[in-house]
Amino acid sequence: MSETTVDFYRTKKEVTYNFILTIVGFAIWIGLVALIGNANFDDESFLPLLFMFLFYGGIFFAFIMLSMLAFRANAYGNMILINENQFPELHEMIVSGAKKLGMHTPPEAFLYNSNGIMNAFARQIFGKKYILLTSSLVDVNNEEQIRFIIGHELGHHVAGHLNVWASLLKLPAYVIPFLGSAYSRQREYTCDKIGYYVSKDIEKSCTAIQMLGCGCSKLNGKLNLFEFEKQELHVPPIFGFLTEIIRSHPRLTRRVIALKNTRLIE
């Protein structure tokens, strides 16, 4: 998948929100640098302020570094590494999906016991890419649905959503209420489209999203997408908006409807 293809599936709102976050974040960083550069170093109140800034900045940086190391320790020590000898069917989906998306090296992937919680994650730690799949998610979905889920998580990597420097640049702009959440939701729409590009099966891609609301493997084959879509008509407009603006993911009905309107390109 070329960058042009990625941009084809990237939502216009994601591009807009990313631009706003980047510009605002850059402006705030420049403002902080200018503030320090123009400060009166002879002012007795400056040094305590600078110390406080460096102290809390150091704590934040240390927390991020330690959390990354803790992730690796927990993943390799307590999760199941997926490879050609461990769950080879899942490994093949990851390798073929990564190849289809133009990734030179597929991410390392782990399966872990989620105690009933259905989810999947993409992570980038010290430049290394990872995918995490929960046991419950794999348990209730069929093979083609899992292929979509893996494609969705790979999408976060190929779309640049986990780039450390870009995230750091945008970080100060998250002080703007609801903007970060709106950007996150648009990234999910983008990755749903990329997941569909990998799976090539619109029904299985949509039912994989619907299964997040169902969670029952016994009823997987009985899902009715048309009936699920109609539920969106019963969502109260005002409270539907209010309950979503703080969430990182769109509601499932909207994700299914948006995905069904996606056109694939080769």
Protein backbone atom coordinates (compact mmCIF):
# COMPACT_ATOMS: atom_id res chain seq x y z
CA MET A 1 0.00 0.00 0.00
CA SER A 2 1.49 3.31 -1.07
CA GLU A 3 1.17 6.54 0.86
CA THR A 4 -1.29 7.65 -1.81
CA THR A 5 -3.47 4.63 -1.08
CA VAL A 6 -3.32 5.31 2.66
CA ASP A 7 -4.40 8.89 2.02
CA PHE A 8 -7.30 7.61 -0.09
CA TYR A 9 -8.71 5.80 2.95
CA ARG A 10 -7.81 8.51 5.43
CA THR A 11 -10.91 10.54 6.32
CA LYS A 12 -10.95 14.24 5.44
CA LYS A 13 -11.80 15.10 9.03
CA GLU A 14 -8.75 13.21 10.27
CA VAL A 15 -6.59 15.34 7.98
CA THR A 16 -8.29 18.51 9.25
CA TYR A 17 -8.01 17.64 12.95
CA ASN A 18 -4.42 16.49 12.51
CA PHE A 19 -3.57 19.81 10.86
CA ILE A 20 -5.20 21.83 13.65
CA LEU A 21 -3.51 19.78 16.40
CA THR A 22 -0.13 20.05 14.68
CA ILE A 23 -0.33 23.82 14.12
CA VAL A 24 -1.62 24.55 17.63
CA GLY A 25 0.87 22.17 19.23
CA PHE A 26 3.75 23.71 17.27
CA ALA A 27 2.63 27.22 18.24
CA ILE A 28 2.48 26.28 21.94
CA TRP A 29 5.94 24.69 21.83
CA ILE A 30 7.34 27.78 20.10
CA GLY A 31 5.63 29.94 22.69
CA LEU A 32 7.24 27.99 25.53
CA VAL A 33 10.68 28.27 23.92
CA ALA A 34 10.18 32.00 23.36
CA LEU A 35 9.01 32.43 26.95
CA ILE A 36 12.15 30.78 28.29
CA GLY A 37 14.38 32.60 25.80
CA ASN A 38 12.99 36.01 26.71
CA ALA A 39 12.86 35.41 30.42
CA ASN A 40 14.76 37.60 32.83
CA PHE A 41 17.26 35.20 34.37
CA ASP A 42 17.99 37.72 37.12
CA ASP A 43 14.36 37.62 38.23
CA GLU A 44 14.14 35.61 41.44
CA SER A 45 10.78 34.17 40.41
CA PHE A 46 12.15 32.72 37.16
CA LEU A 47 14.41 30.00 38.53
CA PRO A 48 11.68 28.31 40.64
CA LEU A 49 9.39 28.40 37.59
CA LEU A 50 12.08 26.89 35.37
CA PHE A 51 12.88 24.25 38.00
CA MET A 52 9.21 23.32 38.25
CA PHE A 53 8.92 23.05 34.45
CA LEU A 54 12.02 20.84 34.21
CA PHE A 55 11.00 18.77 37.23
CA TYR A 56 7.54 17.88 35.96
CA GLY A 57 8.82 17.48 32.42
CA GLY A 58 11.44 15.05 33.72
CA ILE A 59 8.83 13.10 35.67
CA PHE A 60 6.63 12.85 32.58
CA PHE A 61 9.56 11.69 30.43
CA ALA A 62 10.65 9.14 33.04
CA PHE A 63 7.09 7.83 33.34
CA ILE A 64 6.87 7.31 29.58
CA MET A 65 10.23 5.51 29.46
CA LEU A 66 9.40 3.28 32.41
CA SER A 67 5.95 2.45 31.03
CA MET A 68 7.57 1.38 27.75
CA LEU A 69 10.01 -0.90 29.54
CA ALA A 70 7.19 -2.27 31.69
CA PHE A 71 5.18 -3.03 28.55
CA ARG A 72 8.00 -5.12 27.11
CA ALA A 73 8.52 -6.95 30.39
CA ASN A 74 4.83 -7.72 30.71
CA ALA A 75 4.35 -8.66 27.06
CA TYR A 76 7.27 -11.08 26.79
CA GLY A 77 6.79 -12.41 30.31
CA ASN A 78 3.02 -12.88 30.49
CA MET A 79 1.55 -12.82 26.98
CA ILE A 80 1.83 -15.31 24.11
CA LEU A 81 4.09 -14.22 21.26
CA ILE A 82 2.48 -15.07 17.92
CA ASN A 83 4.91 -16.48 15.36
CA GLU A 84 5.24 -19.26 12.77
CA ASN A 85 5.43 -21.87 15.55
CA GLN A 86 2.87 -20.32 17.90
CA PHE A 87 -0.60 -19.83 16.41
CA PRO A 88 0.68 -19.95 12.81
CA GLU A 89 -2.78 -19.11 11.41
CA LEU A 90 -2.81 -15.77 13.22
CA HIS A 91 0.82 -15.20 12.28
CA GLU A 92 -0.01 -15.71 8.59
CA MET A 93 -2.78 -13.11 8.79
CA ILE A 94 -0.39 -10.58 10.32
CA VAL A 95 2.41 -11.25 7.84
CA SER A 96 0.15 -11.22 4.77
CA GLY A 97 -1.71 -8.14 6.00
CA ALA A 98 1.54 -6.27 6.65
CA LYS A 99 2.84 -7.24 3.21
CA LYS A 100 -0.35 -6.06 1.56
CA LEU A 101 -0.03 -2.72 3.33
CA GLY A 102 3.59 -2.34 2.22
CA MET A 103 5.22 -2.83 5.62
CA HIS A 104 8.79 -4.10 5.27
CA THR A 105 8.64 -5.91 8.62
CA PRO A 106 5.43 -7.12 10.24
CA PRO A 107 4.83 -5.99 13.81
CA GLU A 108 5.41 -8.40 16.66
CA ALA A 109 2.04 -9.62 17.88
CA PHE A 110 0.87 -10.97 21.22
CA LEU A 111 -2.24 -12.74 22.42
CA TYR A 112 -3.19 -12.28 26.05
CA ASN A 113 -5.89 -13.36 28.48
CA SER A 114 -8.29 -10.44 28.76
CA ASN A 115 -10.68 -12.06 31.25
CA GLY A 116 -13.67 -11.40 29.02
CA ILE A 117 -12.70 -7.97 27.66
CA MET A 118 -12.75 -7.76 23.85
CA ASN A 119 -10.18 -5.43 22.37
CA ALA A 120 -7.12 -5.09 20.15
CA PHE A 121 -4.30 -2.56 20.26
CA ALA A 122 -1.46 -1.20 18.15
CA ARG A 123 1.62 0.05 19.96
CA GLN A 124 5.00 1.48 19.01
CA ILE A 125 7.70 1.18 21.68
CA PHE A 126 11.23 2.49 21.09
CA GLY A 127 10.54 2.44 17.34
CA LYS A 128 9.38 -1.19 17.36
CA LYS A 129 5.84 -1.98 16.22
CA TYR A 130 3.45 -4.26 18.11
CA ILE A 131 -0.09 -5.60 17.85
CA LEU A 132 -1.99 -6.99 20.84
CA LEU A 133 -5.05 -9.22 20.52
CA THR A 134 -7.20 -10.20 23.48
CA SER A 135 -8.23 -13.81 23.93
CA SER A 136 -11.93 -12.95 24.04
CA LEU A 137 -11.73 -11.07 20.74
CA VAL A 138 -10.13 -14.05 18.99
CA ASP A 139 -12.52 -16.44 20.70
CA VAL A 140 -15.77 -14.89 19.45
CA ASN A 141 -14.75 -13.85 15.93
CA ASN A 142 -14.27 -16.06 12.90
CA GLU A 143 -11.16 -16.10 10.71
CA GLU A 144 -12.25 -13.38 8.26
CA GLN A 145 -13.42 -11.11 11.05
CA ILE A 146 -10.04 -11.50 12.76
CA ARG A 147 -8.33 -10.66 9.46
CA PHE A 148 -10.25 -7.35 9.41
CA ILE A 149 -9.30 -6.64 13.04
CA ILE A 150 -5.64 -7.30 12.32
CA GLY A 151 -5.86 -5.06 9.23
CA HIS A 152 -7.42 -2.33 11.37
CA GLU A 153 -4.55 -2.45 13.87
CA LEU A 154 -1.96 -2.58 11.10
CA GLY A 155 -3.71 0.50 9.74
CA HIS A 156 -2.68 2.52 12.78
CA HIS A 157 0.94 1.75 11.93
CA VAL A 158 0.82 2.47 8.19
CA ALA A 159 -1.27 5.63 8.71
CA GLY A 160 1.40 7.06 11.04
CA HIS A 161 -0.93 7.31 14.03
CA LEU A 162 1.77 6.05 16.42
CA ASN A 163 4.64 8.25 15.28
CA VAL A 164 6.32 9.41 18.48
CA TRP A 165 7.61 12.77 17.22
CA ALA A 166 4.32 13.71 15.55
CA SER A 167 2.45 12.79 18.73
CA LEU A 168 4.85 14.85 20.83
CA LEU A 169 4.43 17.83 18.52
CA LYS A 170 0.65 17.66 18.85
CA LEU A 171 0.65 16.96 22.59
CA PRO A 172 0.13 20.55 23.91
CA ALA A 173 -2.86 21.03 21.59
CA TYR A 174 -4.83 18.42 23.52
CA VAL A 175 -5.69 21.17 25.99
CA ILE A 176 -8.39 22.17 23.49
CA PRO A 177 -11.56 20.44 24.75
CA PHE A 178 -12.84 17.51 22.67
CA LEU A 179 -10.40 18.08 19.77
CA GLY A 180 -8.17 15.15 20.68
CA SER A 181 -11.17 12.84 21.00
CA ALA A 182 -12.53 13.96 17.64
CA TYR A 183 -9.16 13.27 16.02
CA SER A 184 -9.01 9.83 17.64
CA ARG A 185 -12.47 8.90 16.35
CA GLN A 186 -11.54 9.85 12.81
CA ARG A 187 -8.43 7.67 13.05
CA GLU A 188 -10.71 4.73 13.88
CA TYR A 189 -12.80 5.38 10.77
CA THR A 190 -9.62 5.47 8.70
CA CYS A 191 -8.37 2.18 10.13
CA ASP A 192 -11.74 0.51 9.62
CA LYS A 193 -11.35 1.27 5.91
CA ILE A 194 -7.80 -0.07 5.87
CA GLY A 195 -8.96 -3.20 7.69
CA TYR A 196 -11.59 -3.69 4.98
CA TYR A 197 -8.88 -3.18 2.34
CA VAL A 198 -6.99 -6.08 3.96
CA SER A 199 -9.97 -8.41 4.45
CA LYS A 200 -11.76 -7.60 1.16
CA ASP A 201 -14.98 -8.84 2.80
CA ILE A 202 -17.42 -6.06 3.66
CA GLU A 203 -19.87 -8.30 5.53
CA LYS A 204 -17.21 -9.87 7.75
CA SER A 205 -15.57 -6.48 8.31
CA CYS A 206 -18.86 -4.95 9.45
CA THR A 207 -19.86 -7.92 11.59
CA ALA A 208 -16.43 -7.80 13.28
CA ILE A 209 -17.39 -4.31 14.45
CA GLN A 210 -20.88 -5.49 15.40
CA MET A 211 -19.36 -8.32 17.44
CA LEU A 212 -17.85 -5.71 19.77
CA GLY A 213 -21.42 -5.07 20.85
CA CYS A 214 -22.54 -8.70 20.74
CA GLY A 215 -19.59 -10.54 22.28
CA CYS A 216 -21.24 -13.94 21.91
CA SER A 217 -19.58 -16.53 19.65
CA LYS A 218 -22.73 -18.67 19.62
CA LEU A 219 -24.68 -15.84 17.94
CA ASN A 220 -21.93 -14.68 15.58
CA GLY A 221 -23.38 -16.32 12.50
CA LYS A 222 -26.85 -14.93 13.23
CA LEU A 223 -25.95 -11.23 13.19
CA ASN A 224 -28.25 -9.04 11.11
CA LEU A 225 -26.35 -6.01 9.84
CA PHE A 226 -29.43 -4.30 8.42
CA GLU A 227 -31.22 -4.43 11.77
CA PHE A 228 -28.09 -3.18 13.53
CA GLU A 229 -27.81 -0.21 11.17
CA LYS A 230 -31.44 0.73 11.87
CA GLN A 231 -30.60 1.15 15.55
CA GLU A 232 -28.78 4.37 14.64
CA LEU A 233 -32.17 5.91 13.83
CA HIS A 234 -33.18 5.48 17.46
CA VAL A 235 -30.12 7.22 18.93
CA PRO A 236 -31.27 10.57 20.44
CA PRO A 237 -29.44 13.23 18.38
CA ILE A 238 -28.44 15.50 21.26
CA PHE A 239 -27.45 12.81 23.75
CA GLY A 240 -25.92 10.74 20.96
CA PHE A 241 -23.65 13.71 20.30
CA LEU A 242 -22.95 14.41 23.98
CA THR A 243 -22.06 10.81 24.81
CA GLU A 244 -19.67 10.55 21.86
CA ILE A 245 -17.67 13.79 21.98
CA ILE A 246 -15.58 12.57 24.91
CA ARG A 247 -14.98 9.09 23.50
CA SER A 248 -11.92 7.96 21.57
CA HIS A 249 -14.00 5.64 19.37
CA PRO A 250 -17.21 6.31 17.39
CA ARG A 251 -20.29 4.33 18.37
CA LEU A 252 -20.52 0.98 16.61
CA THR A 253 -23.58 1.76 14.50
CA ARG A 254 -21.85 4.77 12.95
CA ARG A 255 -18.71 2.75 12.26
CA VAL A 256 -20.69 0.07 10.43
CA ILE A 257 -22.63 2.60 8.36
CA ALA A 258 -19.45 4.50 7.43
CA LEU A 259 -17.64 1.30 6.48
CA LYS A 260 -20.48 0.07 4.25
CA ASN A 261 -20.13 3.29 2.26
CA THR A 262 -16.42 2.69 1.64
CA ARG A 263 -15.18 2.13 -1.91
CA LEU A 264 -12.13 -0.07 -2.32
CA ILE A 265 -9.21 0.61 -4.66
CA GLU A 266 -6.45 -1.78 -5.65
